[in-house]
Amino acid sequence: MKAFPTICRQLRSSRRFSLEPTAHVDFSTSCACSRKKKVSPYKEVDQGKYSDLVQSVLSSRGLAQTPESLFEEDNLLYGPVSKCKPPKQDEKARVPGNWCPLFNPERIKLNATSTPTIPLKIPLQRNMIPSVTKILQQTMTSEQIFYLERWKKRMILELGEDGFEEYSSNLFLQGKRFHKALESILSPQGDLKERDENLECGYVESVQHILKDVSGVRALESAVQHETLKYVGLLDCVAEYQGKLCVIDWKTSEKPKPYIRNTFDNPLQVVAYIGAINNDANYSFQVQCGLIVVAYKDGSPAHPHFMDTELCSQYWAKWLLRLEEYTQKEKNQNIQKPDQGTE
């Protein structure tokens, strides 16, 4: 303790050090030139309007957040939540009530050596039995109807009523010519000159790589009827594709359809024809596979969608459900008709 006063006396006597108070000096890291202070943008905010929100947020600090408090905070920040009911889902997959097998156990599978010389071509008889096309059209889902109507309205806005009718007519004619061309190419009785002319068609060019794998044609543009389920149809072709006997359905499209799901109800149409062939006395063979070929007008390679036995069985169950739905609708309409007549 004695050493400290001694050091102080030595400092006073020294000329280099002074303990006299000096003028206060301020140091600043800012530039020498004066600048205006920035005005906070938050001063323009209506703080009274958001005082409840600020108070709520500040008062909740340090407290454990619960789901209820988070919902209240989100409600203040973003407003009330728009609630909607989730779509209803079937608890169990629907099963056809009147099950009928796709394949006929009593029918012997056709061998490759039993190919007929001339493909079958049975004309379609117009009668009261519903067609496959009509059944599928009458049982479209609400989602399918919505997209179809939206597409139709968009096309009418773009082309007009008359333009849309002409467009639809041209599509139908192009599809009809395409099927006629394939019939000429695949039939042994086809005109050679007509075949050469058909090769110039873009749709035919599109399916050239598919036709290389098609052989042993059994039927072309031939009618089928399911004798148990009571429906009829007109199939495009029955032939071997890569060695497997198939019902072949030729389709045209302006848009690429690389996946079978892009073909909508076409798989149901194919399995309906398969089931009919296997239960039609006019056909002595049995078919277990299907093929959907989507051809394009510009000649780009067509997309083949092969359906094996397992996949056909899956679509067959769906087809039976659509058939049941159609039958029920027809019954309901028949019940309502007498009531309407008495009014």
Protein backbone atom coordinates (compact mmCIF):
# COMPACT_ATOMS: atom_id res chain seq x y z
CA MET A 1 0.00 0.00 0.00
CA LYS A 2 2.92 2.34 0.63
CA ALA A 3 4.19 1.78 -2.86
CA PHE A 4 1.15 3.40 -4.52
CA PRO A 5 1.60 6.95 -2.95
CA THR A 6 5.26 6.76 -3.86
CA ILE A 7 4.42 6.07 -7.51
CA CYS A 8 1.95 8.96 -7.58
CA ARG A 9 4.58 11.45 -6.25
CA GLN A 10 6.98 10.27 -8.90
CA LEU A 11 4.42 10.82 -11.64
CA ARG A 12 3.65 14.37 -10.43
CA SER A 13 7.30 15.26 -10.46
CA SER A 14 7.69 13.88 -13.95
CA ARG A 15 7.39 16.36 -16.82
CA ARG A 16 5.95 13.83 -19.21
CA PHE A 17 2.84 13.00 -17.24
CA SER A 18 0.14 15.25 -15.85
CA LEU A 19 -2.85 14.37 -13.78
CA GLU A 20 -4.62 17.64 -14.50
CA PRO A 21 -8.09 17.21 -16.00
CA THR A 22 -8.13 17.59 -19.74
CA ALA A 23 -10.86 18.67 -22.09
CA HIS A 24 -13.37 15.96 -22.96
CA VAL A 25 -12.87 14.60 -26.45
CA ASP A 26 -15.47 12.54 -28.30
CA PHE A 27 -14.49 9.90 -30.80
CA SER A 28 -16.79 8.70 -33.55
CA THR A 29 -16.50 6.03 -36.20
CA SER A 30 -18.86 7.91 -38.52
CA CYS A 31 -17.75 10.01 -41.46
CA ALA A 32 -16.73 13.58 -40.81
CA CYS A 33 -19.48 14.90 -43.10
CA SER A 34 -22.85 15.08 -41.45
CA ARG A 35 -25.66 12.92 -42.82
CA LYS A 36 -29.38 12.89 -42.18
CA LYS A 37 -30.56 10.04 -40.08
CA LYS A 38 -32.62 7.44 -41.93
CA VAL A 39 -36.27 7.46 -41.14
CA SER A 40 -37.54 4.03 -40.16
CA PRO A 41 -40.21 2.75 -42.58
CA TYR A 42 -42.08 1.32 -39.63
CA LYS A 43 -43.01 4.85 -38.49
CA GLU A 44 -45.49 5.01 -41.36
CA VAL A 45 -47.25 1.83 -40.21
CA ASP A 46 -50.55 2.29 -38.42
CA GLN A 47 -49.32 1.00 -35.09
CA GLY A 48 -52.70 1.37 -33.46
CA LYS A 49 -54.18 -1.03 -36.00
CA TYR A 50 -51.67 -3.76 -35.17
CA SER A 51 -51.30 -3.06 -31.45
CA ASP A 52 -53.34 -6.15 -30.55
CA LEU A 53 -51.17 -8.31 -32.75
CA VAL A 54 -47.94 -6.91 -31.31
CA GLN A 55 -49.23 -7.25 -27.78
CA SER A 56 -50.28 -10.86 -28.48
CA VAL A 57 -46.90 -11.79 -29.93
CA LEU A 58 -44.90 -10.05 -27.18
CA SER A 59 -47.02 -11.46 -24.40
CA SER A 60 -46.55 -15.00 -25.73
CA ARG A 61 -42.75 -14.80 -25.61
CA GLY A 62 -41.20 -17.17 -23.20
CA LEU A 63 -44.35 -19.24 -22.98
CA ALA A 64 -44.60 -22.79 -24.31
CA GLN A 65 -46.42 -22.77 -27.65
CA THR A 66 -49.30 -25.18 -28.09
CA PRO A 67 -51.23 -26.11 -31.24
CA GLU A 68 -54.07 -23.87 -30.06
CA SER A 69 -51.79 -20.85 -29.60
CA LEU A 70 -50.18 -21.44 -33.00
CA PHE A 71 -53.61 -21.53 -34.67
CA GLU A 72 -54.58 -18.28 -32.90
CA GLU A 73 -51.34 -16.62 -34.03
CA ASP A 74 -51.83 -17.81 -37.63
CA ASN A 75 -55.39 -16.54 -37.50
CA LEU A 76 -54.14 -13.07 -36.53
CA LEU A 77 -51.40 -13.08 -39.14
CA TYR A 78 -53.12 -14.67 -42.12
CA GLY A 79 -56.82 -14.67 -41.35
CA PRO A 80 -59.16 -17.61 -40.76
CA VAL A 81 -58.37 -20.94 -42.38
CA SER A 82 -60.54 -21.94 -45.33
CA LYS A 83 -61.80 -25.40 -44.43
CA CYS A 84 -62.98 -27.98 -46.97
CA LYS A 85 -64.07 -31.55 -46.57
CA PRO A 86 -61.65 -34.19 -47.86
CA PRO A 87 -62.94 -36.31 -50.74
CA LYS A 88 -64.78 -39.41 -49.64
CA GLN A 89 -62.94 -42.64 -50.24
CA ASP A 90 -64.53 -46.02 -50.61
CA GLU A 91 -63.76 -48.13 -47.58
CA LYS A 92 -63.67 -51.26 -49.72
CA ALA A 93 -62.97 -51.79 -53.40
CA ARG A 94 -66.14 -52.42 -55.34
CA VAL A 95 -66.67 -55.96 -56.53
CA PRO A 96 -68.97 -56.86 -59.46
CA GLY A 97 -72.23 -58.38 -58.25
CA ASN A 98 -72.74 -60.78 -61.15
CA TRP A 99 -69.27 -62.12 -61.80
CA CYS A 100 -68.56 -63.66 -65.18
CA PRO A 101 -65.11 -65.02 -66.08
CA LEU A 102 -63.08 -63.29 -68.77
CA PHE A 103 -61.67 -66.54 -70.14
CA ASN A 104 -63.67 -69.55 -71.24
CA PRO A 105 -62.31 -72.72 -69.61
CA GLU A 106 -64.19 -74.89 -72.12
CA ARG A 107 -62.49 -73.30 -75.09
CA ILE A 108 -59.11 -74.57 -76.24
CA LYS A 109 -56.50 -71.92 -76.80
CA LEU A 110 -55.82 -71.41 -80.50
CA ASN A 111 -52.50 -72.80 -81.74
CA ALA A 112 -50.32 -70.91 -84.15
CA THR A 113 -50.85 -73.64 -86.77
CA SER A 114 -54.62 -73.14 -86.89
CA THR A 115 -54.57 -69.68 -88.46
CA PRO A 116 -57.51 -69.29 -90.87
CA THR A 117 -56.77 -68.54 -94.52
CA ILE A 118 -59.26 -65.64 -94.61
CA PRO A 119 -59.76 -63.48 -91.47
CA LEU A 120 -63.26 -63.47 -90.03
CA LYS A 121 -65.36 -60.42 -90.83
CA ILE A 122 -68.79 -60.78 -89.23
CA PRO A 123 -71.12 -57.81 -89.87
CA LEU A 124 -72.60 -56.05 -86.86
CA GLN A 125 -76.34 -56.60 -86.49
CA ARG A 126 -78.26 -53.57 -85.26
CA ASN A 127 -80.59 -54.71 -82.50
CA MET A 128 -81.70 -53.84 -78.97
CA ILE A 129 -78.53 -55.21 -77.38
CA PRO A 130 -76.32 -52.32 -76.21
CA SER A 131 -72.89 -51.83 -77.72
CA VAL A 132 -69.63 -51.52 -75.80
CA THR A 133 -69.24 -47.91 -76.99
CA LYS A 134 -72.72 -46.94 -75.79
CA ILE A 135 -72.20 -48.54 -72.37
CA LEU A 136 -68.94 -46.68 -71.82
CA GLN A 137 -70.45 -43.36 -72.95
CA GLN A 138 -73.48 -43.73 -70.69
CA THR A 139 -71.37 -44.57 -67.62
CA MET A 140 -68.66 -41.92 -67.83
CA THR A 141 -67.56 -40.54 -64.47
CA SER A 142 -68.36 -36.95 -63.51
CA GLU A 143 -64.66 -36.14 -63.83
CA GLN A 144 -64.54 -37.52 -67.38
CA ILE A 145 -67.65 -35.56 -68.34
CA PHE A 146 -66.19 -32.37 -66.85
CA TYR A 147 -62.94 -32.57 -68.83
CA LEU A 148 -64.76 -33.54 -72.02
CA GLU A 149 -67.15 -30.60 -71.74
CA ARG A 150 -64.31 -28.21 -70.92
CA TRP A 151 -62.38 -29.37 -73.97
CA LYS A 152 -65.49 -29.00 -76.14
CA LYS A 153 -66.17 -25.45 -74.90
CA ARG A 154 -62.55 -24.45 -75.45
CA MET A 155 -62.63 -25.79 -79.01
CA ILE A 156 -65.92 -24.01 -79.75
CA LEU A 157 -64.49 -20.72 -78.49
CA GLU A 158 -61.50 -21.20 -80.76
CA LEU A 159 -63.24 -22.57 -83.86
CA GLY A 160 -66.88 -21.56 -83.46
CA GLU A 161 -69.88 -23.91 -83.59
CA ASP A 162 -69.57 -24.64 -87.32
CA GLY A 163 -65.80 -24.94 -87.14
CA PHE A 164 -66.02 -27.43 -84.30
CA GLU A 165 -68.55 -29.57 -86.18
CA GLU A 166 -66.25 -29.60 -89.21
CA TYR A 167 -63.25 -30.44 -87.00
CA SER A 168 -65.12 -33.36 -85.37
CA SER A 169 -66.28 -34.62 -88.76
CA ASN A 170 -62.73 -34.54 -90.11
CA LEU A 171 -61.43 -36.48 -87.11
CA PHE A 172 -64.08 -39.16 -87.67
CA LEU A 173 -63.26 -39.42 -91.39
CA GLN A 174 -59.51 -39.64 -90.71
CA GLY A 175 -60.06 -42.46 -88.22
CA LYS A 176 -62.33 -44.28 -90.63
CA ARG A 177 -59.77 -44.02 -93.48
CA PHE A 178 -57.02 -45.18 -91.14
CA HIS A 179 -58.96 -48.31 -90.20
CA LYS A 180 -59.80 -48.95 -93.84
CA ALA A 181 -56.13 -48.65 -94.75
CA LEU A 182 -55.08 -51.11 -92.04
CA GLU A 183 -57.77 -53.54 -93.13
CA SER A 184 -56.37 -53.41 -96.66
CA ILE A 185 -52.80 -53.90 -95.43
CA LEU A 186 -53.57 -56.79 -93.07
CA SER A 187 -56.02 -58.62 -95.29
CA PRO A 188 -54.56 -61.15 -97.74
CA GLN A 189 -57.24 -60.09 -100.22
CA GLY A 190 -56.23 -56.44 -100.10
CA ASP A 191 -55.51 -54.53 -103.29
CA LEU A 192 -51.74 -54.07 -103.76
CA LYS A 193 -52.24 -50.67 -105.41
CA GLU A 194 -54.44 -49.54 -102.54
CA ARG A 195 -51.80 -50.72 -100.05
CA ASP A 196 -49.12 -48.59 -101.73
CA GLU A 197 -51.40 -45.55 -101.64
CA ASN A 198 -52.15 -46.12 -97.95
CA LEU A 199 -48.46 -46.17 -97.09
CA GLU A 200 -48.37 -42.44 -97.81
CA CYS A 201 -50.84 -41.81 -94.98
CA GLY A 202 -49.19 -40.34 -91.86
CA TYR A 203 -51.11 -42.64 -89.52
CA VAL A 204 -50.04 -45.72 -91.47
CA GLU A 205 -46.45 -44.53 -91.46
CA SER A 206 -46.75 -44.10 -87.69
CA VAL A 207 -47.58 -47.80 -87.14
CA GLN A 208 -45.01 -49.35 -89.50
CA HIS A 209 -42.78 -50.55 -86.66
CA ILE A 210 -45.86 -52.14 -84.99
CA LEU A 211 -47.01 -53.92 -88.15
CA LYS A 212 -43.64 -55.70 -88.36
CA ASP A 213 -44.59 -57.60 -85.17
CA VAL A 214 -48.17 -58.39 -86.27
CA SER A 215 -48.90 -61.76 -87.91
CA GLY A 216 -51.54 -64.50 -88.10
CA VAL A 217 -54.58 -62.26 -88.51
CA ARG A 218 -57.77 -64.04 -87.31
CA ALA A 219 -60.39 -61.29 -87.61
CA LEU A 220 -60.75 -57.79 -89.12
CA GLU A 221 -63.55 -55.29 -88.42
CA SER A 222 -65.64 -58.14 -87.05
CA ALA A 223 -68.67 -58.10 -84.74
CA VAL A 224 -68.68 -59.86 -81.37
CA GLN A 225 -71.46 -60.61 -78.88
CA HIS A 226 -71.23 -61.77 -75.29
CA GLU A 227 -73.98 -64.37 -75.10
CA THR A 228 -74.18 -64.29 -71.29
CA LEU A 229 -73.74 -60.59 -70.48
CA LYS A 230 -75.71 -59.43 -73.54
CA TYR A 231 -73.62 -56.74 -75.19
CA VAL A 232 -72.15 -56.38 -78.69
CA GLY A 233 -69.20 -54.64 -80.31
CA LEU A 234 -67.17 -54.23 -83.49
CA LEU A 235 -63.49 -55.03 -82.92
CA ASP A 236 -60.67 -53.76 -85.13
CA CYS A 237 -58.39 -56.77 -85.33
CA VAL A 238 -57.47 -60.10 -83.77
CA ALA A 239 -53.91 -61.14 -84.57
CA GLU A 240 -50.65 -62.22 -83.02
CA TYR A 241 -48.42 -59.47 -81.69
CA GLN A 242 -44.90 -60.64 -80.90
CA GLY A 243 -46.21 -64.21 -80.85
CA LYS A 244 -49.21 -63.61 -78.53
CA LEU A 245 -52.80 -63.59 -79.75
CA CYS A 246 -54.38 -60.21 -79.02
CA VAL A 247 -57.41 -58.07 -79.62
CA ILE A 248 -55.80 -55.05 -81.30
CA ASP A 249 -57.46 -51.64 -81.10
CA TRP A 250 -56.12 -48.97 -83.47
CA LYS A 251 -56.46 -45.40 -82.19
CA THR A 252 -55.52 -41.99 -83.59
CA SER A 253 -54.47 -39.02 -81.50
CA GLU A 254 -53.23 -35.47 -81.94
CA LYS A 255 -51.41 -35.61 -78.61
CA PRO A 256 -48.79 -38.16 -77.50
CA LYS A 257 -50.14 -40.96 -75.30
CA PRO A 258 -47.05 -42.79 -74.07
CA TYR A 259 -48.78 -44.46 -71.10
CA ILE A 260 -51.83 -46.71 -70.99
CA ARG A 261 -53.47 -44.38 -68.48
CA ASN A 262 -53.51 -41.73 -71.21
CA THR A 263 -55.91 -43.88 -73.24
CA PHE A 264 -58.81 -43.37 -70.80
CA ASP A 265 -61.50 -46.06 -71.36
CA ASN A 266 -59.76 -47.83 -74.26
CA PRO A 267 -58.50 -50.72 -72.05
CA LEU A 268 -62.09 -51.37 -70.93
CA GLN A 269 -63.16 -51.50 -74.56
CA VAL A 270 -60.43 -54.03 -75.38
CA VAL A 271 -61.25 -56.38 -72.49
CA ALA A 272 -64.94 -56.15 -73.33
CA TYR A 273 -64.13 -57.45 -76.82
CA ILE A 274 -61.87 -60.17 -75.39
CA GLY A 275 -64.63 -61.37 -73.07
CA ALA A 276 -67.13 -61.34 -75.93
CA ILE A 277 -64.88 -63.34 -78.28
CA ASN A 278 -64.32 -65.97 -75.60
CA ASN A 279 -68.10 -66.34 -75.22
CA ASP A 280 -69.20 -65.97 -78.86
CA ALA A 281 -69.98 -69.17 -80.76
CA ASN A 282 -68.78 -67.57 -84.01
CA TYR A 283 -65.19 -67.73 -82.74
CA SER A 284 -63.55 -71.07 -82.04
CA PHE A 285 -60.43 -69.66 -80.41
CA GLN A 286 -59.68 -67.90 -77.15
CA VAL A 287 -57.89 -64.56 -76.67
CA GLN A 288 -56.00 -63.71 -73.49
CA CYS A 289 -54.15 -60.49 -74.32
CA GLY A 290 -54.87 -57.05 -75.73
CA LEU A 291 -52.99 -54.31 -77.56
CA ILE A 292 -53.84 -50.60 -77.91
CA VAL A 293 -51.91 -48.80 -80.64
CA VAL A 294 -52.00 -44.98 -80.69
CA ALA A 295 -51.02 -43.61 -84.12
CA TYR A 296 -50.09 -40.01 -84.99
CA LYS A 297 -50.92 -37.97 -88.07
CA ASP A 298 -47.41 -36.56 -88.46
CA GLY A 299 -46.00 -40.08 -88.86
CA SER A 300 -44.12 -40.12 -85.57
CA PRO A 301 -43.77 -43.65 -84.11
CA ALA A 302 -47.00 -44.94 -82.59
CA HIS A 303 -47.19 -45.96 -78.95
CA PRO A 304 -48.13 -49.63 -78.37
CA HIS A 305 -49.74 -50.54 -75.04
CA PHE A 306 -49.65 -54.28 -74.49
CA MET A 307 -52.09 -55.81 -72.00
CA ASP A 308 -51.09 -59.19 -70.60
CA THR A 309 -53.44 -61.70 -68.98
CA GLU A 310 -53.10 -60.19 -65.50
CA LEU A 311 -53.72 -56.63 -66.66
CA CYS A 312 -56.69 -57.74 -68.75
CA SER A 313 -58.21 -59.43 -65.70
CA GLN A 314 -57.90 -56.19 -63.70
CA TYR A 315 -59.65 -54.15 -66.38
CA TRP A 316 -62.28 -56.86 -66.81
CA ALA A 317 -63.47 -56.31 -63.24
CA LYS A 318 -63.79 -52.57 -63.96
CA TRP A 319 -65.69 -53.28 -67.16
CA LEU A 320 -68.17 -55.49 -65.29
CA LEU A 321 -68.83 -52.63 -62.84
CA ARG A 322 -69.51 -50.22 -65.73
CA LEU A 323 -71.83 -52.78 -67.29
CA GLU A 324 -73.72 -53.17 -64.01
CA GLU A 325 -74.02 -49.39 -63.71
CA TYR A 326 -75.44 -49.15 -67.23
CA THR A 327 -77.93 -51.97 -66.56
CA GLN A 328 -79.12 -50.25 -63.37
CA LYS A 329 -79.57 -46.93 -65.17
CA GLU A 330 -81.65 -48.61 -67.85
CA LYS A 331 -83.85 -50.25 -65.22
CA ASN A 332 -84.40 -46.92 -63.46
CA GLN A 333 -85.36 -45.23 -66.73
CA ASN A 334 -87.81 -48.00 -67.60
CA ILE A 335 -89.44 -47.66 -64.17
CA GLN A 336 -89.84 -43.88 -64.60
CA LYS A 337 -91.29 -44.05 -68.14
CA PRO A 338 -94.77 -45.36 -67.16
CA ASP A 339 -95.06 -42.69 -64.42
CA GLN A 340 -94.25 -39.93 -66.92
CA GLY A 341 -96.95 -41.19 -69.28
CA THR A 342 -99.72 -40.99 -66.66
CA GLU A 343 -99.02 -37.37 -65.73
